[in-house]
Every structure is written in structure tokens, then in C-alpha cells.
Amino acid sequence: MTTPIHGWNEPQFNAVRRAFESNFAERGDVGAAVCIYLHGEPVVDLWGGWYAPDREREWDRNTLVNVYSSTKGLVAFCAHRLVEEGKLDIDAPVAKYWPEFAVNGKESMPVRWLLCHKAGMAAVKRELVTEDMFNWETMTSALAEQEPWWTPGEQHGYHAMTFGWLVGEVIRRIDGRSVGTYFRQEFAAPLGLDAHIGTGPEFDARISTVIEPLIAAEFPPTSDLFGDPDSVGIVAVINPPVFNPGGPAMASRRDWRAAEIPAANGHATAHALARIYGGAASGGAIDGVHILNPETIERGIEEQTNGPDTCIGINTRFGLGWALTGESTPYGPNPRAFGHPGAGGSLGYADLDAGIGFGYAMNRMGTEVAHDPRCAVLIDALYVSL
């Protein structure tokens, strides 16, 4: 069956179109989209394939899909807006904004460590069930009461799920709005982004089915962490269970979609990811709509962590909320590139040096922990085209 490919690209970027087509022919894509902004203008906006493995309904320009941890990058924009407005001091204790957090060795923990995965709060210690993660108060109270897994600030480990509740609760305590509402009102609506943290049933007809990988995922063989069921890296994704049991089927649950899980359940189009990062890479605004000041972005991409990750067993590199270009997250050849990948392969990033905003979203889960080969060929084709 021939894969339907739709959309457009500037002729200069025909290599990106060919790479996108090859992802369906050679790398197992079922439904996907890629969008690229250059100096504030779209130059690639392609989509293709199908909503689901039955290949009965075609993916279209308005198709939404769960972009998993690419949501974290959107949350980072929210936090940095509060910093820019003088409402959030990232070096102040978390407890300044969230008094209940000031127990069990967390009294002086700065907000900065929540944003760069140094807080030692990468998993919840209270035993939870799946439904608990749909209850904001349950998750934030469990985190507030516990002691860290490691001495805060001494090492970094990816806060796969807890990042969203931790940073989101700080945002809520400062602003009064939930992080999903804050993002919608401050970014999505003004910028015209089809991106959401928490979706009502009215979105279901547009949300694509997340599909199992072609092969079983394999964690890095260099990591011993995943052999220990009590390790923080394992507990982070099984308490409450996110992928096991249920795998990608979790993403089809109405309660998963409805909840605000700001580390993992954002639903977006590739165009939305490319547009917000494209604005960030073009002076911090797009079509006259403010995103963040350039100096705010520069502070946000100052390296905070770089090296072996306590939780996921690979080298990671983070600024404040954003994953920086590096060994595990290579976003092209330029040093000032930042964004966030999502489990399975989605990605949004900005390249400040080239003026690029990039978005990729798909429904077939990949198996890489961070850098998906489908994104790799698209990114390579992009830079060859410049």
C-alpha cells in the first residue's frame, strides 16, 4: 500500500521530504508529521500515513498525538515566563512557593534543581496505583512529603514523570492556574498552537492511536539500573505504572488524556512544536506575538548538567527545563540548540544559531531512549539543505 504524503515544502528542502518519505518506507512510520520554521517562517509542513494500524483513516494536518516528554519543553516555556515576569526566582527554595515541600531534607532545595533534574525526586516513594497519576493533589502531596532519593544537587537523574508535577505545582502556587491552563492561555491561544496539556473528549476524534514499536525496546546495556526493580529509574515509570502494564495503550485512555500530566501527556501537532520553537529561535516572538525575551532564553539554556544520568543510564545534558544538544540529544551541528524529545520519537527543538524551529510527531513508538533514527534523518536532511 502506498503511503499518502501531504503538505508542502520550499524546494530548497526537498531532501527533508525525501527523508520523511523514507521513514515510512524504511523505518516503520505509520502516521507522522514534520514541520520546520526558518527565521520565523514555515518552510516545511508535511504529514502522512494513517491514524491507526488498520490504515483506514489518513493522518491529516490537524491530527494530534501524545508527544510524551516533548511536553516538558512546553512546561519549561511556562516556567521561564514566570521568571521573566519576576514572579519566579529559580534560586529561591521550592518551599518559598510550596510550603508543604519543606520537609525531609528539602527545606532549602532551589527551584533550579527541579528544572535540571538534580532534585533527587525522580520517583514517588509512596505506593501508588495507575489512577493516582490522574489526581493532581495525590501526586503533589506524595512528592511534598517524601525525602529525596539522593542528596539534592550532587547528581542528576531524569525525572521522567515527576518533573511535571514538581514544576507544575510551583507554577500553580505562583500563578493560581494549573500548568495546562497557563500554557493554553499564555502560549497556545496567543500563538495559535494546537498543543494541549490535558484534553477533553471533544479532542478524541483528532487524537491518533499510539502504536507499539516494531521491536521490543532495549535499555542501554551499559546501565545496571534497569536490572534492579527497586532502582529509582524503574520506580519512576512503574509507580504509578505508565508503560507497564498497558504499554502505549495507556495513551488511549480517556482519564490519561483528560488529566494534566505535564511531563508526559501533552497532545500536539508537529506544527505546534515547530512554531513555538521557531519563535524562540527568531528573537523570542513570532508573527508579533511574544514568547520569551532572548536573554530569558539564553539563561534557560545555560548548561546545568552534563554526563551520566542516574536514572536512565545514558549521558544527558540539560539547561533549565530544556534538553540541550549533546550526545543523547543531537539537534544538528550548532551549540545553541535546545528542546525536548519524547518517548517513542517525538521532538521539538530550536536552533538559535540557524534560526530553526523543528517539530516531529508520530504514532509508531520507536525504541531509542532519546535519539530516534527517524528524527536523525530528518535533522540531517534539514542541515544539508541550508
Protein backbone atom coordinates (compact mmCIF):
# COMPACT_ATOMS: atom_id res chain seq x y z
CA MET A 1 0.00 0.00 0.00
CA THR A 2 1.35 3.42 -0.97
CA THR A 3 1.71 5.80 1.96
CA PRO A 4 -0.18 9.06 1.41
CA ILE A 5 2.06 12.11 1.91
CA HIS A 6 0.52 15.58 2.10
CA GLY A 7 1.58 19.13 2.79
CA TRP A 8 4.27 21.27 1.23
CA ASN A 9 7.87 22.36 1.49
CA GLU A 10 10.04 25.01 -0.07
CA PRO A 11 12.02 23.40 -2.93
CA GLN A 12 15.23 24.08 -1.00
CA PHE A 13 14.07 21.43 1.48
CA ASN A 14 13.20 18.61 -0.90
CA ALA A 15 15.76 16.48 0.95
CA VAL A 16 13.59 16.73 4.06
CA ARG A 17 10.58 15.49 2.09
CA ARG A 18 12.61 12.53 0.79
CA ALA A 19 13.78 11.72 4.32
CA PHE A 20 10.21 11.94 5.60
CA GLU A 21 9.02 9.56 2.88
CA SER A 22 11.86 7.17 3.69
CA ASN A 23 10.72 6.97 7.31
CA PHE A 24 7.54 5.24 6.12
CA ALA A 25 9.30 3.00 3.62
CA GLU A 26 12.32 2.05 5.72
CA ARG A 27 11.82 2.90 9.41
CA GLY A 28 8.30 1.78 10.24
CA ASP A 29 6.40 5.06 10.49
CA VAL A 30 2.62 4.57 10.31
CA GLY A 31 1.41 8.14 10.79
CA ALA A 32 3.64 11.16 11.29
CA ALA A 33 4.22 14.84 10.62
CA VAL A 34 7.26 17.11 10.40
CA CYS A 35 7.30 20.89 10.38
CA ILE A 36 10.22 23.32 10.20
CA TYR A 37 10.34 27.07 10.70
CA LEU A 38 13.30 29.12 9.47
CA HIS A 39 13.73 32.71 10.70
CA GLY A 40 10.12 32.80 11.82
CA GLU A 41 8.56 31.43 8.63
CA PRO A 42 7.41 27.88 7.85
CA VAL A 43 9.49 26.16 5.17
CA VAL A 44 8.37 22.54 5.66
CA ASP A 45 4.92 21.33 6.71
CA LEU A 46 4.44 17.67 5.83
CA TRP A 47 2.22 14.91 7.14
CA GLY A 48 1.41 11.42 6.02
CA GLY A 49 0.30 7.91 6.79
CA TRP A 50 -2.59 6.82 8.97
CA TYR A 51 -4.24 7.41 12.32
CA ALA A 52 -4.04 3.79 13.40
CA PRO A 53 -2.53 0.44 12.37
CA ASP A 54 -5.70 -0.53 10.48
CA ARG A 55 -4.70 2.13 7.90
CA GLU A 56 -8.31 3.11 7.27
CA ARG A 57 -8.12 6.81 8.11
CA GLU A 58 -5.38 9.09 6.84
CA TRP A 59 -3.34 11.33 9.11
CA ASP A 60 -4.20 14.97 8.36
CA ARG A 61 -2.80 18.39 9.22
CA ASN A 62 -4.97 18.62 12.35
CA THR A 63 -4.06 15.20 13.76
CA LEU A 64 -3.00 15.33 17.40
CA VAL A 65 -0.85 12.71 19.08
CA ASN A 66 0.58 12.15 22.54
CA VAL A 67 4.10 13.62 22.39
CA TYR A 68 5.13 12.28 25.82
CA SER A 69 8.18 14.09 27.21
CA SER A 70 8.20 16.70 24.48
CA THR A 71 5.57 18.15 26.84
CA LYS A 72 8.38 19.02 29.27
CA GLY A 73 9.75 21.55 26.82
CA LEU A 74 6.37 23.30 26.78
CA VAL A 75 6.30 23.37 30.57
CA ALA A 76 9.75 24.98 30.51
CA PHE A 77 8.36 27.88 28.47
CA CYS A 78 5.78 28.42 31.22
CA ALA A 79 8.36 28.45 34.00
CA HIS A 80 10.60 30.86 32.12
CA ARG A 81 7.71 33.26 31.50
CA LEU A 82 7.25 33.48 35.27
CA VAL A 83 10.99 34.06 35.70
CA GLU A 84 10.87 36.79 33.07
CA GLU A 85 7.99 38.49 34.85
CA GLY A 86 9.86 38.45 38.16
CA LYS A 87 7.38 36.07 39.77
CA LEU A 88 9.69 33.04 39.99
CA ASP A 89 13.21 33.07 41.38
CA ILE A 90 14.82 29.80 40.31
CA ASP A 91 17.41 30.08 43.08
CA ALA A 92 14.79 30.51 45.79
CA PRO A 93 13.77 27.43 47.78
CA VAL A 94 10.87 25.47 46.34
CA ALA A 95 9.30 25.87 49.79
CA LYS A 96 9.01 29.64 49.26
CA TYR A 97 6.21 28.87 46.82
CA TRP A 98 5.15 25.44 48.12
CA PRO A 99 5.48 25.42 51.93
CA GLU A 100 4.48 21.76 52.35
CA PHE A 101 7.61 20.81 50.39
CA ALA A 102 9.88 21.90 53.26
CA VAL A 103 10.28 18.50 54.96
CA ASN A 104 12.66 15.54 54.87
CA GLY A 105 15.75 17.40 53.74
CA LYS A 106 14.04 19.54 51.08
CA GLU A 107 13.79 22.74 53.09
CA SER A 108 16.42 24.64 51.10
CA MET A 109 16.17 22.86 47.74
CA PRO A 110 16.16 25.51 44.98
CA VAL A 111 13.67 25.53 42.12
CA ARG A 112 16.67 25.34 39.78
CA TRP A 113 17.22 21.69 40.72
CA LEU A 114 13.66 20.76 39.77
CA LEU A 115 14.23 22.20 36.31
CA CYS A 116 17.56 20.46 35.68
CA HIS A 117 16.83 17.03 37.19
CA LYS A 118 19.18 17.40 40.19
CA ALA A 119 16.48 17.38 42.87
CA GLY A 120 16.65 13.66 43.68
CA MET A 121 12.86 13.49 43.31
CA ALA A 122 12.77 11.36 40.17
CA ALA A 123 10.24 8.85 41.51
CA VAL A 124 7.46 8.70 44.07
CA LYS A 125 8.13 6.60 47.17
CA ARG A 126 4.52 6.27 48.36
CA GLU A 127 2.98 3.19 46.72
CA LEU A 128 0.55 4.27 44.03
CA VAL A 129 -1.92 2.81 41.57
CA THR A 130 -2.44 3.91 37.98
CA GLU A 131 -5.44 6.10 38.78
CA ASP A 132 -3.39 8.14 41.26
CA MET A 133 -1.47 9.85 38.50
CA PHE A 134 -4.70 11.36 37.22
CA ASN A 135 -5.18 13.15 40.56
CA TRP A 136 -3.00 16.25 40.87
CA GLU A 137 -3.35 16.55 44.65
CA THR A 138 -2.42 12.91 45.21
CA MET A 139 0.77 13.23 43.19
CA THR A 140 1.92 16.58 44.52
CA SER A 141 1.23 15.67 48.15
CA ALA A 142 3.13 12.39 47.75
CA LEU A 143 6.13 14.29 46.41
CA ALA A 144 5.95 17.02 49.03
CA GLU A 145 6.07 14.55 51.92
CA GLN A 146 8.95 12.35 50.79
CA GLU A 147 12.69 12.56 51.15
CA PRO A 148 14.87 12.65 48.02
CA TRP A 149 16.39 9.53 46.50
CA TRP A 150 19.84 11.14 46.56
CA THR A 151 21.41 14.21 48.12
CA PRO A 152 19.91 17.05 46.09
CA GLY A 153 22.35 18.81 43.83
CA GLU A 154 25.04 16.11 43.98
CA GLN A 155 23.99 14.20 40.86
CA HIS A 156 21.40 14.36 38.12
CA GLY A 157 18.82 11.82 37.07
CA TYR A 158 15.97 12.20 34.63
CA HIS A 159 12.68 12.98 36.40
CA ALA A 160 10.63 11.18 33.74
CA MET A 161 7.21 11.71 35.30
CA THR A 162 7.74 13.78 38.43
CA PHE A 163 9.21 16.78 36.57
CA GLY A 164 5.71 17.78 35.50
CA TRP A 165 4.10 17.63 38.92
CA LEU A 166 7.04 19.32 40.63
CA VAL A 167 7.46 22.21 38.21
CA GLY A 168 3.73 22.36 37.52
CA GLU A 169 2.91 22.75 41.20
CA VAL A 170 5.40 25.61 41.56
CA ILE A 171 3.70 27.29 38.58
CA ARG A 172 0.27 26.71 40.12
CA ARG A 173 1.30 28.04 43.52
CA ILE A 174 2.68 31.23 41.97
CA ASP A 175 0.04 31.92 39.35
CA GLY A 176 -3.08 30.15 40.59
CA ARG A 177 -3.72 28.45 37.26
CA SER A 178 -2.91 24.84 36.50
CA VAL A 179 0.02 24.37 34.15
CA GLY A 180 -2.33 23.19 31.40
CA THR A 181 -4.48 26.30 31.72
CA TYR A 182 -1.43 28.54 31.99
CA PHE A 183 0.10 27.08 28.84
CA ARG A 184 -3.17 27.35 26.93
CA GLN A 185 -3.85 30.95 27.90
CA GLU A 186 -0.31 32.32 27.80
CA PHE A 187 1.13 30.43 24.83
CA ALA A 188 -1.19 28.16 22.86
CA ALA A 189 -4.06 30.60 22.31
CA PRO A 190 -1.98 33.72 21.52
CA LEU A 191 0.37 31.80 19.22
CA GLY A 192 -2.28 29.64 17.57
CA LEU A 193 -0.67 26.41 18.78
CA ASP A 194 -2.60 23.15 18.51
CA ALA A 195 -0.91 21.81 21.65
CA HIS A 196 -2.60 20.85 24.91
CA ILE A 197 -1.73 19.59 28.40
CA GLY A 198 -4.96 17.83 29.25
CA THR A 199 -7.58 17.24 26.55
CA GLY A 200 -11.36 16.97 26.81
CA PRO A 201 -13.45 14.40 24.92
CA GLU A 202 -14.02 16.93 22.14
CA PHE A 203 -10.42 16.27 21.04
CA ASP A 204 -10.71 12.48 20.82
CA ALA A 205 -11.72 12.39 17.16
CA ARG A 206 -8.46 14.12 16.26
CA ILE A 207 -6.11 12.12 18.51
CA SER A 208 -4.16 9.38 16.76
CA THR A 209 -3.67 5.95 18.29
CA VAL A 210 -0.20 5.38 19.75
CA ILE A 211 1.20 2.14 18.31
CA GLU A 212 3.61 -0.43 19.74
CA PRO A 213 7.21 -0.36 18.47
CA LEU A 214 8.16 -2.76 15.68
CA ILE A 215 10.57 -4.46 18.07
CA ALA A 216 10.77 -4.58 21.84
CA ALA A 217 12.63 -1.65 23.38
CA GLU A 218 16.05 -2.37 24.82
CA PHE A 219 17.53 -0.18 27.51
CA PRO A 220 21.24 0.72 27.28
CA PRO A 221 23.41 -2.30 28.09
CA THR A 222 25.83 -0.02 29.95
CA SER A 223 23.24 0.63 32.63
CA ASP A 224 22.81 -1.74 35.56
CA LEU A 225 19.94 0.33 36.89
CA PHE A 226 17.23 -1.38 34.94
CA GLY A 227 18.09 -4.78 36.37
CA ASP A 228 17.14 -3.57 39.85
CA PRO A 229 13.38 -3.37 40.33
CA ASP A 230 13.91 -1.04 43.28
CA SER A 231 16.12 1.43 41.42
CA VAL A 232 14.89 4.98 41.05
CA GLY A 233 14.94 4.61 37.26
CA ILE A 234 12.49 1.72 37.37
CA VAL A 235 10.29 3.10 40.14
CA ALA A 236 9.94 6.32 38.14
CA VAL A 237 7.88 4.54 35.47
CA ILE A 238 6.17 1.74 37.43
CA ASN A 239 4.91 3.71 40.45
CA PRO A 240 2.39 4.57 39.19
CA PRO A 241 2.67 2.30 36.15
CA VAL A 242 2.95 4.36 32.97
CA PHE A 243 4.04 1.94 30.26
CA ASN A 244 3.76 -1.35 32.14
CA PRO A 245 1.12 -2.70 32.24
CA GLY A 246 -0.62 -1.24 29.23
CA GLY A 247 2.24 0.00 27.10
CA PRO A 248 1.12 2.60 24.57
CA ALA A 249 -2.49 1.60 25.25
CA MET A 250 -2.36 3.95 28.24
CA ALA A 251 -2.41 6.85 25.77
CA SER A 252 -5.86 5.80 24.54
CA ARG A 253 -7.46 6.00 27.98
CA ARG A 254 -9.82 8.93 28.45
CA ASP A 255 -8.60 9.53 32.01
CA TRP A 256 -4.99 9.71 30.78
CA ARG A 257 -5.92 12.23 28.11
CA ALA A 258 -8.07 14.33 30.45
CA ALA A 259 -5.54 14.63 33.26
CA GLU A 260 -2.77 17.19 33.34
CA ILE A 261 0.43 15.13 33.42
CA PRO A 262 2.86 17.84 32.34
CA ALA A 263 5.84 15.54 31.93
CA ALA A 264 4.19 13.09 29.58
CA ASN A 265 0.66 13.59 28.27
CA GLY A 266 0.81 16.66 26.08
CA HIS A 267 -1.00 16.26 22.77
CA ALA A 268 0.27 18.33 19.88
CA THR A 269 0.83 18.64 16.18
CA ALA A 270 4.32 18.84 14.72
CA HIS A 271 3.39 22.31 13.50
CA ALA A 272 2.72 23.50 17.06
CA LEU A 273 6.10 22.26 18.26
CA ALA A 274 7.92 23.86 15.34
CA ARG A 275 6.07 27.15 15.72
CA ILE A 276 6.84 27.78 19.40
CA TYR A 277 10.48 26.77 18.99
CA GLY A 278 10.66 28.69 15.72
CA GLY A 279 9.58 31.82 17.56
CA ALA A 280 12.12 31.18 20.30
CA ALA A 281 14.81 30.94 17.61
CA SER A 282 13.68 34.17 15.95
CA GLY A 283 14.16 36.74 18.67
CA GLY A 284 11.64 35.25 21.07
CA ALA A 285 8.49 36.14 19.13
CA ILE A 286 6.58 35.01 16.08
CA ASP A 287 4.11 36.99 13.97
CA GLY A 288 4.43 39.76 16.52
CA VAL A 289 3.40 37.55 19.46
CA HIS A 290 5.83 37.47 22.38
CA ILE A 291 7.16 34.13 23.61
CA LEU A 292 10.22 34.89 25.76
CA ASN A 293 12.86 37.58 25.71
CA PRO A 294 16.15 36.47 24.11
CA GLU A 295 18.00 36.98 27.40
CA THR A 296 15.46 34.76 29.18
CA ILE A 297 16.09 32.02 26.64
CA GLU A 298 19.87 32.40 26.94
CA ARG A 299 19.65 31.95 30.71
CA GLY A 300 17.40 28.95 30.20
CA ILE A 301 19.95 27.16 28.03
CA GLU A 302 22.94 27.64 30.32
CA GLU A 303 24.26 24.14 30.97
CA GLN A 304 23.25 22.78 34.37
CA THR A 305 24.02 19.08 33.94
CA ASN A 306 26.13 17.04 31.55
CA GLY A 307 27.14 13.42 31.97
CA PRO A 308 25.92 10.02 33.17
CA ASP A 309 22.28 10.06 34.20
CA THR A 310 21.45 8.30 37.45
CA CYS A 311 18.03 7.19 36.23
CA ILE A 312 18.24 6.28 32.55
CA GLY A 313 21.85 5.17 32.19
CA ILE A 314 22.89 7.42 29.30
CA ASN A 315 24.70 10.74 29.17
CA THR A 316 22.23 13.61 29.36
CA ARG A 317 22.70 17.37 29.15
CA PHE A 318 20.19 19.85 30.50
CA GLY A 319 19.65 23.54 30.86
CA LEU A 320 16.69 24.76 32.89
CA GLY A 321 13.84 22.54 31.74
CA TRP A 322 15.14 22.05 28.21
CA ALA A 323 17.37 19.24 26.97
CA LEU A 324 20.43 20.76 25.32
CA THR A 325 22.02 19.45 22.15
CA GLY A 326 24.52 16.77 23.06
CA GLU A 327 25.47 13.12 22.81
CA SER A 328 22.00 11.74 23.54
CA THR A 329 20.03 14.63 22.07
CA PRO A 330 21.87 15.83 18.94
CA TYR A 331 19.95 18.68 17.34
CA GLY A 332 22.24 19.41 14.42
CA PRO A 333 25.72 20.96 14.34
CA ASN A 334 25.16 24.18 16.29
CA PRO A 335 25.86 24.63 20.01
CA ARG A 336 22.85 26.77 20.97
CA ALA A 337 20.16 24.22 20.21
CA PHE A 338 17.63 23.14 22.82
CA GLY A 339 14.25 21.47 23.12
CA HIS A 340 12.90 18.15 24.31
CA PRO A 341 12.41 14.66 22.86
CA GLY A 342 9.50 12.46 23.81
CA ALA A 343 9.31 8.73 24.43
CA GLY A 344 8.88 6.91 21.16
CA GLY A 345 10.41 9.58 18.94
CA SER A 346 8.62 12.94 19.04
CA LEU A 347 10.78 16.06 19.18
CA GLY A 348 10.54 19.82 19.32
CA TYR A 349 13.66 21.97 19.31
CA ALA A 350 15.09 25.38 18.49
CA ASP A 351 18.47 26.18 16.96
CA LEU A 352 19.27 29.77 17.89
CA ASP A 353 22.31 29.91 15.61
CA ALA A 354 20.42 28.83 12.49
CA GLY A 355 17.04 30.36 13.36
CA ILE A 356 15.32 26.97 13.20
CA GLY A 357 12.24 25.62 14.91
CA PHE A 358 11.67 21.89 14.38
CA GLY A 359 8.74 19.63 15.22
CA TYR A 360 8.21 15.92 14.61
CA ALA A 361 5.30 13.86 15.91
CA MET A 362 4.34 10.27 15.13
CA ASN A 363 2.16 7.43 16.35
CA ARG A 364 4.54 4.47 15.94
CA MET A 365 6.69 4.31 19.06
CA GLY A 366 10.41 3.94 18.49
CA THR A 367 12.75 2.05 20.77
CA GLU A 368 15.50 4.56 21.49
CA VAL A 369 15.74 6.15 24.93
CA ALA A 370 16.35 9.61 23.46
CA HIS A 371 17.58 9.99 19.87
CA ASP A 372 15.22 8.41 17.34
CA PRO A 373 16.65 7.44 13.92
CA ARG A 374 13.60 8.89 12.16
CA CYS A 375 14.36 12.30 13.63
CA ALA A 376 18.04 11.83 12.86
CA VAL A 377 17.49 11.52 9.11
CA LEU A 378 15.12 14.49 9.10
CA ILE A 379 17.59 16.66 11.01
CA ASP A 380 20.47 15.59 8.76
CA ALA A 381 18.40 16.45 5.68
CA LEU A 382 17.47 19.81 7.16
CA TYR A 383 21.05 20.96 7.69
CA VAL A 384 22.21 19.65 4.33
CA SER A 385 19.51 21.87 2.81
CA LEU A 386 20.59 25.12 4.46
